[in-house]
């Protein structure tokens, strides 16, 4: 069993983290991120490599052909996935050029993922930032966990207000899981917890 931890609750949604990747996530919607290219053009490693392999090389083929290039916030929703992927559907979100990446880019991708999960009425969703998979240095991505958490909580709150306005049906999302690496699990958990606690203290 992969390492898993519940971080807390927000608007009746359980916020969690798990040391798995997009292929292993046992959820309704599994989300991963893709740059236009990898650092040094060395190719994917880790979770994105596993996802592309599980899809028979379709992701890399779609990028090569220009059908899905990984441009900033470009999305690709796959709802017919092979049995090797336990999720009902896979969402891939573009992160654009890795040379100009900032934590805000991943925060916007996370917000896009949670909105998609709520709007499509999925009950559970996992999100993999896929940053190390593309070759970004661990020091460069410092602080991204808190920025992503803040964006996810804001997106959840915004959707709740839309529902309260009577313009949309209530969403069904009950579990949100951040996919993380096992090597910095405790440190990342602390960053997520700090962001959730800070949000809870604000009116």
Protein backbone atom coordinates (compact mmCIF):
# COMPACT_ATOMS: atom_id res chain seq x y z
CA UNK A 1 0.00 0.00 0.00
CA UNK A 2 1.34 3.48 -0.86
CA UNK A 3 1.88 6.07 1.86
CA UNK A 4 -1.36 8.00 2.36
CA UNK A 5 -2.36 10.77 4.75
CA UNK A 6 -5.46 12.85 5.35
CA UNK A 7 -4.58 16.51 5.66
CA UNK A 8 -7.99 17.79 6.68
CA UNK A 9 -11.45 18.79 5.47
CA UNK A 10 -12.57 21.76 3.40
CA UNK A 11 -16.19 22.45 2.43
CA UNK A 12 -17.08 18.78 3.13
CA UNK A 13 -14.22 17.54 0.92
CA UNK A 14 -11.48 15.35 2.40
CA UNK A 15 -8.08 16.78 1.43
CA UNK A 16 -5.46 14.02 1.28
CA UNK A 17 -2.08 13.09 -0.15
CA UNK A 18 -0.69 9.79 -1.40
CA UNK A 19 2.68 8.54 -2.63
CA UNK A 20 1.40 7.21 -5.93
CA UNK A 21 1.33 8.46 -9.51
CA UNK A 22 -1.41 9.00 -12.07
CA UNK A 23 -1.43 5.36 -13.15
CA UNK A 24 -1.86 4.00 -9.63
CA UNK A 25 -4.42 6.50 -8.31
CA UNK A 26 -7.62 4.65 -7.41
CA UNK A 27 -10.01 7.55 -7.99
CA UNK A 28 -12.71 8.64 -10.42
CA UNK A 29 -10.51 11.26 -12.08
CA UNK A 30 -6.71 11.08 -12.17
CA UNK A 31 -4.94 14.28 -13.26
CA UNK A 32 -1.39 14.74 -14.48
CA UNK A 33 0.53 17.69 -15.93
CA UNK A 34 2.61 17.93 -19.08
CA UNK A 35 5.08 20.57 -20.27
CA UNK A 36 5.64 21.36 -23.92
CA UNK A 37 8.98 19.59 -23.51
CA UNK A 38 11.22 18.27 -20.75
CA UNK A 39 14.26 19.97 -19.28
CA UNK A 40 17.19 19.04 -21.49
CA UNK A 41 14.80 17.15 -23.78
CA UNK A 42 15.72 13.96 -21.93
CA UNK A 43 12.19 12.57 -21.90
CA UNK A 44 9.84 11.74 -19.06
CA UNK A 45 10.72 9.84 -15.93
CA UNK A 46 8.56 8.62 -13.06
CA UNK A 47 4.80 9.06 -13.14
CA UNK A 48 4.51 10.63 -16.60
CA UNK A 49 6.64 7.88 -18.07
CA UNK A 50 4.38 5.30 -16.41
CA UNK A 51 1.23 7.05 -17.64
CA UNK A 52 2.46 7.27 -21.21
CA UNK A 53 3.41 3.58 -21.13
CA UNK A 54 0.00 2.60 -19.70
CA UNK A 55 -1.63 4.52 -22.57
CA UNK A 56 0.49 2.70 -25.14
CA UNK A 57 2.64 5.76 -25.90
CA UNK A 58 -0.41 7.85 -26.83
CA UNK A 59 0.60 10.94 -24.86
CA UNK A 60 4.03 11.25 -26.41
CA UNK A 61 2.52 10.55 -29.84
CA UNK A 62 -0.14 13.24 -29.41
CA UNK A 63 2.52 15.77 -28.41
CA UNK A 64 4.78 14.88 -31.32
CA UNK A 65 1.88 15.32 -33.74
CA UNK A 66 0.79 18.63 -32.21
CA UNK A 67 -2.67 17.34 -31.32
CA UNK A 68 -1.99 17.99 -27.64
CA UNK A 69 1.16 20.01 -27.11
CA UNK A 70 1.06 20.77 -23.40
CA UNK A 71 0.53 24.51 -23.85
CA UNK A 72 -0.31 26.44 -20.70
CA UNK A 73 -3.65 25.17 -19.29
CA UNK A 74 -4.43 23.20 -22.44
CA UNK A 75 -6.47 20.17 -21.34
CA UNK A 76 -6.96 16.63 -22.57
CA UNK A 77 -9.72 14.51 -20.99
CA UNK A 78 -9.48 10.78 -21.63
CA UNK A 79 -12.59 8.82 -20.59
CA UNK A 80 -11.73 5.52 -22.28
CA UNK A 81 -8.62 4.33 -20.49
CA UNK A 82 -7.04 0.85 -20.37
CA UNK A 83 -7.66 -1.52 -17.46
CA UNK A 84 -4.13 -0.87 -16.20
CA UNK A 85 -5.39 2.52 -15.00
CA UNK A 86 -7.93 2.20 -12.14
CA UNK A 87 -9.31 5.72 -12.60
CA UNK A 88 -12.49 6.20 -14.62
CA UNK A 89 -10.90 9.04 -16.55
CA UNK A 90 -7.56 10.83 -16.94
CA UNK A 91 -7.12 14.59 -17.30
CA UNK A 92 -3.82 15.95 -18.62
CA UNK A 93 -3.18 19.68 -18.11
CA UNK A 94 -0.56 21.62 -20.03
CA UNK A 95 2.09 23.58 -18.12
CA UNK A 96 3.66 25.35 -21.09
CA UNK A 97 7.38 26.12 -21.37
CA UNK A 98 9.38 24.64 -18.46
CA UNK A 99 11.92 27.48 -18.66
CA UNK A 100 9.31 30.02 -17.52
CA UNK A 101 7.52 27.80 -14.98
CA UNK A 102 6.56 29.32 -11.63
CA UNK A 103 4.57 27.83 -8.72
CA UNK A 104 1.58 29.84 -9.96
CA UNK A 105 1.53 27.73 -13.14
CA UNK A 106 1.06 24.52 -11.15
CA UNK A 107 -1.46 26.25 -8.88
CA UNK A 108 -3.60 27.14 -11.89
CA UNK A 109 -3.33 23.55 -13.16
CA UNK A 110 -4.47 22.22 -9.77
CA UNK A 111 -7.41 24.63 -9.76
CA UNK A 112 -8.32 23.51 -13.28
CA UNK A 113 -8.29 19.90 -12.10
CA UNK A 114 -10.57 20.46 -9.11
CA UNK A 115 -13.01 22.51 -11.18
CA UNK A 116 -13.13 19.78 -13.81
CA UNK A 117 -13.79 17.14 -11.15
CA UNK A 118 -16.64 19.16 -9.66
CA UNK A 119 -18.19 20.18 -12.97
CA UNK A 120 -18.14 16.59 -14.26
CA UNK A 121 -19.57 15.39 -10.93
CA UNK A 122 -16.75 13.01 -10.03
CA UNK A 123 -16.63 11.94 -6.39
CA UNK A 124 -12.84 11.58 -6.08
CA UNK A 125 -9.89 13.19 -7.83
CA UNK A 126 -6.10 12.87 -7.63
CA UNK A 127 -3.66 15.46 -8.94
CA UNK A 128 -0.02 14.86 -9.91
CA UNK A 129 2.02 18.05 -10.52
CA UNK A 130 4.49 16.03 -12.63
CA UNK A 131 7.30 18.53 -12.07
CA UNK A 132 10.16 16.20 -11.20
CA UNK A 133 8.97 13.91 -14.02
CA UNK A 134 9.88 16.67 -16.47
CA UNK A 135 13.31 17.28 -14.98
CA UNK A 136 12.73 20.35 -12.80
CA UNK A 137 15.18 20.61 -9.93
CA UNK A 138 13.74 19.99 -6.47
CA UNK A 139 15.13 23.32 -5.26
CA UNK A 140 13.29 25.19 -8.01
CA UNK A 141 9.90 23.81 -6.98
CA UNK A 142 10.27 24.71 -3.30
CA UNK A 143 7.06 26.26 -1.98
CA UNK A 144 4.83 24.88 -4.72
CA UNK A 145 2.84 22.67 -2.31
CA UNK A 146 1.42 25.62 -0.39
CA UNK A 147 0.67 27.54 -3.58
CA UNK A 148 -1.22 24.58 -5.06
CA UNK A 149 -3.18 24.01 -1.86
CA UNK A 150 -4.26 27.64 -1.73
CA UNK A 151 -5.46 27.47 -5.34
CA UNK A 152 -7.42 24.26 -4.76
CA UNK A 153 -9.16 25.65 -1.68
CA UNK A 154 -10.05 28.85 -3.54
CA UNK A 155 -11.50 26.86 -6.45
CA UNK A 156 -13.58 24.71 -4.11
CA UNK A 157 -14.90 27.79 -2.35
CA UNK A 158 -15.74 29.51 -5.63
CA UNK A 159 -17.74 26.52 -6.85
CA UNK A 160 -19.63 26.43 -3.54
CA UNK A 161 -20.66 30.05 -4.10
CA UNK A 162 -21.85 29.26 -7.63
CA UNK A 163 -23.99 26.45 -6.23
CA UNK A 164 -25.37 28.75 -3.52
CA UNK A 165 -26.38 31.22 -6.22
CA UNK A 166 -28.69 28.57 -7.71
CA UNK A 167 -26.90 28.59 -11.06
CA UNK A 168 -25.36 25.11 -10.76
CA UNK A 169 -26.16 21.77 -9.17
CA UNK A 170 -24.21 20.73 -6.11
CA UNK A 171 -20.99 18.94 -6.98
CA UNK A 172 -20.30 15.40 -5.77
CA UNK A 173 -16.59 15.69 -4.99
CA UNK A 174 -15.78 14.15 -1.62
CA UNK A 175 -12.05 13.32 -1.88
CA UNK A 176 -9.19 15.37 -3.30
CA UNK A 177 -5.74 13.74 -3.28
CA UNK A 178 -2.38 15.32 -4.08
CA UNK A 179 -0.01 12.78 -5.67
CA UNK A 180 3.42 13.20 -4.07
CA UNK A 181 6.78 11.46 -3.97
CA UNK A 182 7.62 9.22 -1.03
CA UNK A 183 11.08 10.76 -0.50
CA UNK A 184 9.76 14.08 0.88
CA UNK A 185 6.39 12.85 2.11
CA UNK A 186 6.47 14.30 5.64
CA UNK A 187 7.92 17.64 4.55
CA UNK A 188 5.30 18.02 1.83
CA UNK A 189 2.53 17.03 4.25
CA UNK A 190 3.62 19.80 6.60
CA UNK A 191 3.49 22.37 3.77
CA UNK A 192 -0.01 21.27 2.80
CA UNK A 193 -1.16 21.34 6.42
CA UNK A 194 0.19 24.84 6.97
CA UNK A 195 -1.64 26.14 3.90
CA UNK A 196 -4.92 24.50 4.93
CA UNK A 197 -4.63 25.78 8.50
CA UNK A 198 -3.85 29.30 7.30
CA UNK A 199 -6.90 29.27 5.02
CA UNK A 200 -9.13 28.00 7.86
CA UNK A 201 -8.03 30.88 10.09
CA UNK A 202 -9.01 33.51 7.56
CA UNK A 203 -12.65 34.72 7.61
